[in-house]
Structure formats: structure tokens, C-alpha cells
Amino acid sequence: MDANRKIVQCVPNFSEGRDLKKIEEIVAPLRNREGFKLISCEPDPSYNRTVVTLLGEPEVMIEPLLMFVSKAAELIDLNHHRGEHPRMGAVDVVPFVPIKNITMAECVTFARRLGEQIAARKQIPVFLYEEAASSPTRQNLADIRKGEFEGMREKIKRPEWRPDYGPAEIHPTAGAVAVGARAPLIAYNISLGTNDIGIAKEIAKTIRHSSGGFRYVKAGAARLEGRDIVQVTMNLTDYRYTAIYRVFEAVKAEAKRYGVAVLGSEIVGMLPLQAALDSLAYYLGIPELPAVKILETHLLGE
């Protein structure tokens, strides 16, 4: 294996989490490829969304990603889509994350290449976000996606929201897509023993940065279909400064105020090893737990 290979993580999210046959057709162009590997595909029926994780060389991801976007646009009609997760596109977001031998600036270049090609081939409008954003007002994905598919019909016609690539009108069934480059984040959800969405919203408001909570937390609330419970849903945008265990304990403390139990939590997609080690060290009462203490880390690369 070439030690100098450029390695990125790419995490496409698309707006189908219930029809497994359709999900497999959409993901198929990303399977069994030279140069990168599909390491995770996680559909969620309540969110009606699937999170895919790719790891490998960005150069060889571009064409398969275009095929993936094309298939999603063919099979998903957002006019009939409902789910707990906000969305504006059939393929909603495609971020590139630098992992090894590659800079953030290079990831921005790949994001822009992909975005330009999506617009040119499929006439789907593309917004660049985070480090690839064309202006500071477009860095935050939530600001771009505000209004979702339905609201984007009119929003995209305003001069300040003209897309970076493609027409200033949404694709009639596939909407619009955000393509960007960003640091690693952790998608983290905490389940509460209640069906009261208001409680989850209040807890989310307490912990998210925009409402005065943790600096590197974006949070919302969702109701889980068929389970009669709600979740506090989060993106932890920098685990080095806002650790998983710190957020988990804060949510437990807030839930206690409402007389609600925390049932557990889940990671969506991948997380860095160090993020897991930090929480393990906290709950074991170890001041520091280095990766060299984990047996399996010594097998990597063998």
C-alpha cells in the first residue's frame, strides 16, 4: 500500500431510509470500487434518511459519486418524502473530510469539482458549505437548508441564495444539494424515555451553541416512528473541545429536571478513535487512555 496515498472520508446523506431495495440501488455505484471503500451504510426509517461513509482516494470517488447522485435523483421524489430529519435534496449533503496526506484546501477543490459536475450533468442546484463555502453566510449548513425542500422553491430565487452551481430553481423532484469540506464531526443521538417532543426540544436548546450551550454542538429534536420515544439529535463538530461524555452527562442532568430517563444513545456513521477513548477514560476514571493501550490498534496495517 502506498504510504503517500491521499485519504479522505466522504459522508453522503440521502433522503430515503425506509425502502431497502431503493436504498441498495442508490448505493450500488459506490460498492466494490478500486481506490476507496464503502465502510458504512446506515438507513434510519424515522429520519427517512441514509448516511453513507466512504474512505479512500478522493480522485476516484468523483465519478461513482456522480452516478450515485444520478440514481438518487431518479428514485427519490421529495414531493412525497416525509421524515424527522431536515432535508432539501434527494442527495442532501456530500462532505469531504481530510484524513491522511491531504489538506483541507485540497478537499475544498474536490468538493467544488463534484458540485460543478452535479449541476452540469443533472441540473441540480448546488450550494457549497463549511470550508468550501463561497461566502461566510454559507458556511453553516443549517442556514442553507433552512426552509427545506418546500421552502427552497422561493428561497433559491433570491439573489443572496443563488446557488454556487446550477440553475436558480430547484430540481422538481430532487431539490438541491450541499457539497462541502469540513473537519470530522460526530453524529450523536440520545434517546429519552418519553414521547413528548417538547422536552427533547428544550434539552436541545439548552446544549446547543446557538442557544448558549456547548461551543461545538448543533442540536435538535426528533420523534422516533413506531417506538413512542424522542431523541435529542446532535452534531458534535469538534470532539477535542466538546467530548461525547460531557454532552451525554449534560443531557442526563437536563432530562432529570423533567423526570425523564435517558434510555441510551447512538453514533450515526463513524467516529474518531480518540473520541471513543476520551469517553472510555472518563467512565473508567482513567486520567488518560492512549491508543497504544488498545490491543487492536497494533494490528492496523498488518
Protein backbone atom coordinates (compact mmCIF):
# COMPACT_ATOMS: atom_id res chain seq x y z
CA MET A 1 0.00 0.00 0.00
CA ASP A 2 1.28 3.46 -0.94
CA ALA A 3 2.06 5.33 2.29
CA ASN A 4 1.60 8.63 0.44
CA ARG A 5 -1.96 7.97 -0.74
CA LYS A 6 -4.34 10.84 -0.18
CA ILE A 7 -7.16 9.59 2.04
CA VAL A 8 -10.47 11.33 2.69
CA GLN A 9 -13.68 10.40 4.41
CA CYS A 10 -16.75 11.24 2.35
CA VAL A 11 -20.17 11.08 4.02
CA PRO A 12 -23.07 11.40 1.56
CA ASN A 13 -26.53 11.62 3.14
CA PHE A 14 -29.61 10.89 1.03
CA SER A 15 -33.33 11.20 1.70
CA GLU A 16 -34.51 7.59 1.81
CA GLY A 17 -34.37 5.43 4.91
CA ARG A 18 -37.30 3.03 4.55
CA ASP A 19 -37.28 1.29 1.18
CA LEU A 20 -34.30 -1.08 1.40
CA LYS A 21 -34.49 -2.09 -2.26
CA LYS A 22 -34.36 1.54 -3.34
CA ILE A 23 -31.53 2.25 -0.89
CA GLU A 24 -29.45 -0.58 -2.34
CA GLU A 25 -29.98 0.68 -5.90
CA ILE A 26 -28.84 4.16 -4.88
CA VAL A 27 -25.76 2.94 -3.02
CA ALA A 28 -24.76 0.32 -5.63
CA PRO A 29 -22.49 2.69 -7.66
CA LEU A 30 -20.33 3.14 -4.54
CA ARG A 31 -19.71 -0.55 -3.88
CA ASN A 32 -16.67 -2.63 -4.90
CA ARG A 33 -14.59 0.23 -6.27
CA GLU A 34 -10.83 0.49 -6.67
CA GLY A 35 -9.22 3.19 -4.55
CA PHE A 36 -11.93 3.64 -1.96
CA LYS A 37 -14.21 1.54 0.21
CA LEU A 38 -17.80 1.88 1.31
CA ILE A 39 -17.40 1.25 5.02
CA SER A 40 -20.88 2.09 6.30
CA CYS A 41 -24.46 2.43 5.04
CA GLU A 42 -26.97 3.28 7.78
CA PRO A 43 -30.64 3.80 6.89
CA ASP A 44 -33.00 5.19 9.52
CA PRO A 45 -36.77 4.86 8.93
CA SER A 46 -37.78 7.57 11.42
CA TYR A 47 -35.41 10.12 9.91
CA ASN A 48 -36.16 8.65 6.44
CA ARG A 49 -32.52 9.19 5.62
CA THR A 50 -29.44 7.09 4.95
CA VAL A 51 -25.89 8.02 5.95
CA VAL A 52 -23.10 6.52 3.83
CA THR A 53 -19.41 6.59 4.74
CA LEU A 54 -16.65 6.22 2.14
CA LEU A 55 -12.93 6.07 2.87
CA GLY A 56 -10.15 6.31 0.32
CA GLU A 57 -8.76 8.38 -2.53
CA PRO A 58 -10.93 11.37 -3.48
CA GLU A 59 -9.85 11.41 -7.13
CA VAL A 60 -11.51 8.06 -7.83
CA MET A 61 -14.65 8.89 -5.82
CA ILE A 62 -15.89 11.64 -8.14
CA GLU A 63 -17.36 9.57 -10.97
CA PRO A 64 -19.05 6.97 -8.71
CA LEU A 65 -20.49 9.81 -6.61
CA LEU A 66 -21.98 11.35 -9.75
CA MET A 67 -23.59 8.00 -10.59
CA PHE A 68 -24.88 7.79 -7.01
CA VAL A 69 -26.42 11.29 -7.23
CA SER A 70 -27.99 10.41 -10.58
CA LYS A 71 -29.60 7.24 -9.21
CA ALA A 72 -30.90 9.05 -6.11
CA ALA A 73 -32.42 11.77 -8.29
CA GLU A 74 -34.07 9.08 -10.40
CA LEU A 75 -35.60 7.15 -7.47
CA ILE A 76 -36.42 9.83 -4.86
CA ASP A 77 -39.25 12.33 -5.21
CA LEU A 78 -39.12 14.81 -2.36
CA ASN A 79 -42.68 15.93 -3.08
CA HIS A 80 -43.71 12.69 -1.35
CA HIS A 81 -40.93 12.49 1.25
CA ARG A 82 -41.57 12.84 4.98
CA GLY A 83 -39.13 12.22 7.82
CA GLU A 84 -37.79 13.65 11.06
CA HIS A 85 -34.54 14.93 9.57
CA PRO A 86 -34.42 18.29 7.75
CA ARG A 87 -33.69 17.89 4.03
CA MET A 88 -33.56 19.94 0.85
CA GLY A 89 -32.30 17.32 -1.59
CA ALA A 90 -32.64 13.71 -2.69
CA VAL A 91 -28.91 13.62 -2.02
CA ASP A 92 -28.94 16.20 0.74
CA VAL A 93 -25.28 16.69 1.61
CA VAL A 94 -21.87 15.44 0.49
CA PRO A 95 -18.92 16.47 2.69
CA PHE A 96 -15.23 15.66 2.14
CA VAL A 97 -13.15 15.25 5.31
CA PRO A 98 -9.32 15.19 5.26
CA ILE A 99 -7.92 12.05 6.91
CA LYS A 100 -4.36 11.39 5.70
CA ASN A 101 -1.81 13.06 3.38
CA ILE A 102 -4.35 15.65 2.25
CA THR A 103 -5.12 19.22 3.24
CA MET A 104 -8.44 20.90 3.82
CA ALA A 105 -7.73 23.11 0.80
CA GLU A 106 -7.45 20.01 -1.39
CA CYS A 107 -10.76 18.74 -0.02
CA VAL A 108 -12.31 22.07 -0.98
CA THR A 109 -11.05 21.55 -4.53
CA PHE A 110 -12.66 18.10 -4.73
CA ALA A 111 -15.91 19.42 -3.28
CA ARG A 112 -16.05 22.16 -5.90
CA ARG A 113 -15.28 19.70 -8.70
CA LEU A 114 -18.07 17.41 -7.60
CA GLY A 115 -20.53 20.26 -7.14
CA GLU A 116 -19.83 21.69 -10.56
CA GLN A 117 -20.32 18.28 -12.19
CA ILE A 118 -23.58 17.56 -10.33
CA ALA A 119 -25.03 20.82 -11.62
CA ALA A 120 -23.76 20.33 -15.15
CA ARG A 121 -24.94 16.73 -15.55
CA LYS A 122 -28.19 16.68 -13.61
CA GLN A 123 -29.27 20.35 -13.50
CA ILE A 124 -29.49 20.09 -9.71
CA PRO A 125 -28.52 23.33 -7.93
CA VAL A 126 -25.51 23.01 -5.64
CA PHE A 127 -24.59 25.03 -2.56
CA LEU A 128 -21.02 24.91 -1.24
CA TYR A 129 -20.73 24.89 2.55
CA GLU A 130 -18.32 24.85 5.50
CA GLU A 131 -14.69 25.26 4.34
CA ALA A 132 -15.77 25.17 0.67
CA ALA A 133 -18.33 27.95 1.12
CA SER A 134 -18.24 30.85 -1.31
CA SER A 135 -19.07 33.33 1.48
CA PRO A 136 -19.18 33.34 5.29
CA THR A 137 -23.00 33.41 5.22
CA ARG A 138 -22.98 29.97 3.57
CA GLN A 139 -20.65 28.15 5.92
CA ASN A 140 -23.42 26.86 8.18
CA LEU A 141 -25.35 24.01 6.54
CA ALA A 142 -28.41 24.72 8.68
CA ASP A 143 -28.64 28.26 7.25
CA ILE A 144 -28.51 26.93 3.69
CA ARG A 145 -31.07 24.20 4.34
CA LYS A 146 -33.48 26.41 6.30
CA GLY A 147 -36.91 26.12 4.76
CA GLU A 148 -36.04 22.67 3.40
CA PHE A 149 -37.20 21.37 0.01
CA GLU A 150 -40.56 23.10 0.18
CA GLY A 151 -39.20 26.50 1.18
CA MET A 152 -36.26 26.34 -1.20
CA ARG A 153 -38.59 26.83 -4.19
CA GLU A 154 -38.80 30.55 -3.43
CA LYS A 155 -35.64 31.00 -1.36
CA ILE A 156 -33.34 29.99 -4.22
CA LYS A 157 -34.73 32.78 -6.41
CA ARG A 158 -33.45 35.46 -4.03
CA PRO A 159 -30.09 36.94 -5.13
CA GLU A 160 -28.42 36.17 -1.79
CA TRP A 161 -29.33 32.48 -2.15
CA ARG A 162 -28.45 31.92 -5.76
CA PRO A 163 -26.71 28.50 -5.88
CA ASP A 164 -22.98 28.24 -6.44
CA TYR A 165 -23.57 25.92 -9.39
CA GLY A 166 -26.62 25.16 -11.46
CA PRO A 167 -29.94 26.88 -12.07
CA ALA A 168 -31.59 29.29 -9.64
CA GLU A 169 -34.51 26.90 -9.26
CA ILE A 170 -34.79 23.58 -7.50
CA HIS A 171 -34.89 20.31 -9.36
CA PRO A 172 -38.62 19.42 -9.36
CA THR A 173 -38.13 16.11 -7.51
CA ALA A 174 -34.51 16.06 -6.30
CA GLY A 175 -34.34 19.58 -4.84
CA ALA A 176 -30.85 20.93 -4.17
CA VAL A 177 -27.65 19.51 -2.70
CA ALA A 178 -24.97 20.89 -0.38
CA VAL A 179 -21.39 19.85 -1.13
CA GLY A 180 -18.58 20.84 1.17
CA ALA A 181 -15.36 20.18 3.04
CA ARG A 182 -15.19 20.02 6.82
CA ALA A 183 -13.39 18.66 9.84
CA PRO A 184 -14.53 15.32 11.31
CA LEU A 185 -17.81 15.53 13.19
CA ILE A 186 -19.74 13.02 15.26
CA ALA A 187 -23.44 12.47 14.59
CA TYR A 188 -24.77 11.56 18.01
CA ASN A 189 -28.35 10.96 19.21
CA ILE A 190 -29.61 10.44 22.75
CA SER A 191 -32.92 8.63 23.35
CA LEU A 192 -35.32 9.81 26.04
CA GLY A 193 -37.99 7.76 27.81
CA THR A 194 -40.87 9.99 26.73
CA ASN A 195 -42.88 10.77 23.62
CA ASP A 196 -43.01 14.49 24.49
CA ILE A 197 -41.11 16.20 21.67
CA GLY A 198 -41.27 19.45 23.64
CA ILE A 199 -38.92 18.06 26.29
CA ALA A 200 -36.39 16.99 23.66
CA LYS A 201 -36.58 20.45 22.08
CA GLU A 202 -35.98 22.16 25.42
CA ILE A 203 -32.96 19.97 26.17
CA ALA A 204 -31.58 20.54 22.66
CA LYS A 205 -31.96 24.28 23.18
CA THR A 206 -30.01 24.05 26.44
CA ILE A 207 -26.99 22.23 25.00
CA ARG A 208 -26.57 23.71 21.51
CA HIS A 209 -24.15 26.53 20.88
CA SER A 210 -26.61 28.83 19.08
CA SER A 211 -28.74 28.96 22.24
CA GLY A 212 -25.85 29.43 24.66
CA GLY A 213 -24.79 25.82 25.16
CA PHE A 214 -21.66 23.91 24.22
CA ARG A 215 -19.48 25.63 21.64
CA TYR A 216 -19.19 22.67 19.29
CA VAL A 217 -22.73 21.27 19.48
CA LYS A 218 -25.57 21.62 16.99
CA ALA A 219 -28.73 20.03 18.36
CA GLY A 220 -32.37 19.42 17.58
CA ALA A 221 -35.16 17.00 18.45
CA ALA A 222 -36.88 14.11 16.68
CA ARG A 223 -39.68 11.65 17.34
CA LEU A 224 -38.87 8.01 16.56
CA GLU A 225 -41.61 6.42 14.49
CA GLY A 226 -43.02 3.23 15.99
CA ARG A 227 -41.00 3.45 19.23
CA ASP A 228 -43.01 6.07 21.15
CA ILE A 229 -39.87 7.90 22.24
CA VAL A 230 -38.00 11.05 21.23
CA GLN A 231 -34.35 11.86 20.69
CA VAL A 232 -32.04 14.79 21.18
CA THR A 233 -30.14 14.77 17.88
CA MET A 234 -26.71 16.30 17.61
CA ASN A 235 -23.67 17.01 15.51
CA LEU A 236 -20.54 17.37 17.64
CA THR A 237 -18.38 19.47 15.36
CA ASP A 238 -15.14 19.27 17.34
CA TYR A 239 -14.87 16.36 19.79
CA ARG A 240 -11.49 17.63 21.03
CA TYR A 241 -13.18 20.51 22.85
CA THR A 242 -16.69 19.11 23.42
CA ALA A 243 -16.40 15.42 24.29
CA ILE A 244 -19.19 12.88 23.86
CA TYR A 245 -19.27 12.06 27.58
CA ARG A 246 -19.66 15.72 28.51
CA VAL A 247 -22.72 16.10 26.29
CA PHE A 248 -24.20 12.80 27.46
CA GLU A 249 -23.91 13.79 31.12
CA ALA A 250 -25.42 17.23 30.42
CA VAL A 251 -28.42 15.67 28.68
CA LYS A 252 -28.90 13.23 31.58
CA ALA A 253 -28.88 16.14 34.03
CA GLU A 254 -31.39 18.12 31.97
CA ALA A 255 -33.65 15.09 31.49
CA LYS A 256 -33.71 14.56 35.24
CA ARG A 257 -35.24 18.01 35.64
CA TYR A 258 -38.23 16.79 33.61
CA GLY A 259 -38.44 13.46 35.37
CA VAL A 260 -37.42 11.66 32.17
CA ALA A 261 -34.96 8.78 31.85
CA VAL A 262 -32.18 8.61 29.29
CA LEU A 263 -32.60 5.25 27.54
CA GLY A 264 -29.30 5.24 25.67
CA SER A 265 -27.56 6.82 22.74
CA GLU A 266 -26.29 6.04 19.26
CA ILE A 267 -23.50 7.04 16.89
CA VAL A 268 -24.52 7.53 13.26
CA GLY A 269 -21.67 6.86 10.87
CA MET A 270 -18.08 6.76 12.07
CA LEU A 271 -16.25 8.44 14.92
CA PRO A 272 -12.53 9.01 15.52
CA LEU A 273 -10.84 6.51 17.86
CA GLN A 274 -9.69 9.29 20.16
CA ALA A 275 -13.29 10.41 20.72
CA ALA A 276 -14.17 6.92 21.95
CA LEU A 277 -11.02 6.72 24.09
CA ASP A 278 -11.81 10.05 25.76
CA SER A 279 -15.23 8.82 26.88
CA LEU A 280 -13.91 5.41 27.90
CA ALA A 281 -11.23 7.07 30.02
CA TYR A 282 -13.82 9.30 31.67
CA TYR A 283 -16.16 6.47 32.65
CA LEU A 284 -13.32 4.23 33.82
CA GLY A 285 -11.81 7.03 35.89
CA ILE A 286 -8.51 6.96 33.97
CA PRO A 287 -6.81 10.36 33.54
CA GLU A 288 -5.66 9.48 30.03
CA LEU A 289 -6.12 6.42 27.83
CA PRO A 290 -3.72 6.40 24.85
CA ALA A 291 -4.48 4.40 21.72
CA VAL A 292 -1.43 2.21 22.33
CA LYS A 293 -3.31 0.66 25.26
CA ILE A 294 -5.89 -0.77 22.84
CA LEU A 295 -4.72 -4.16 21.59
CA GLU A 296 -6.37 -3.97 18.17
CA THR A 297 -4.63 -0.72 17.25
CA HIS A 298 -1.40 -2.67 17.00
CA LEU A 299 -2.94 -4.85 14.27
CA LEU A 300 -3.76 -1.97 11.94
CA GLY A 301 -1.88 -2.18 8.70
CA GLU A 302 -0.96 -5.88 9.13
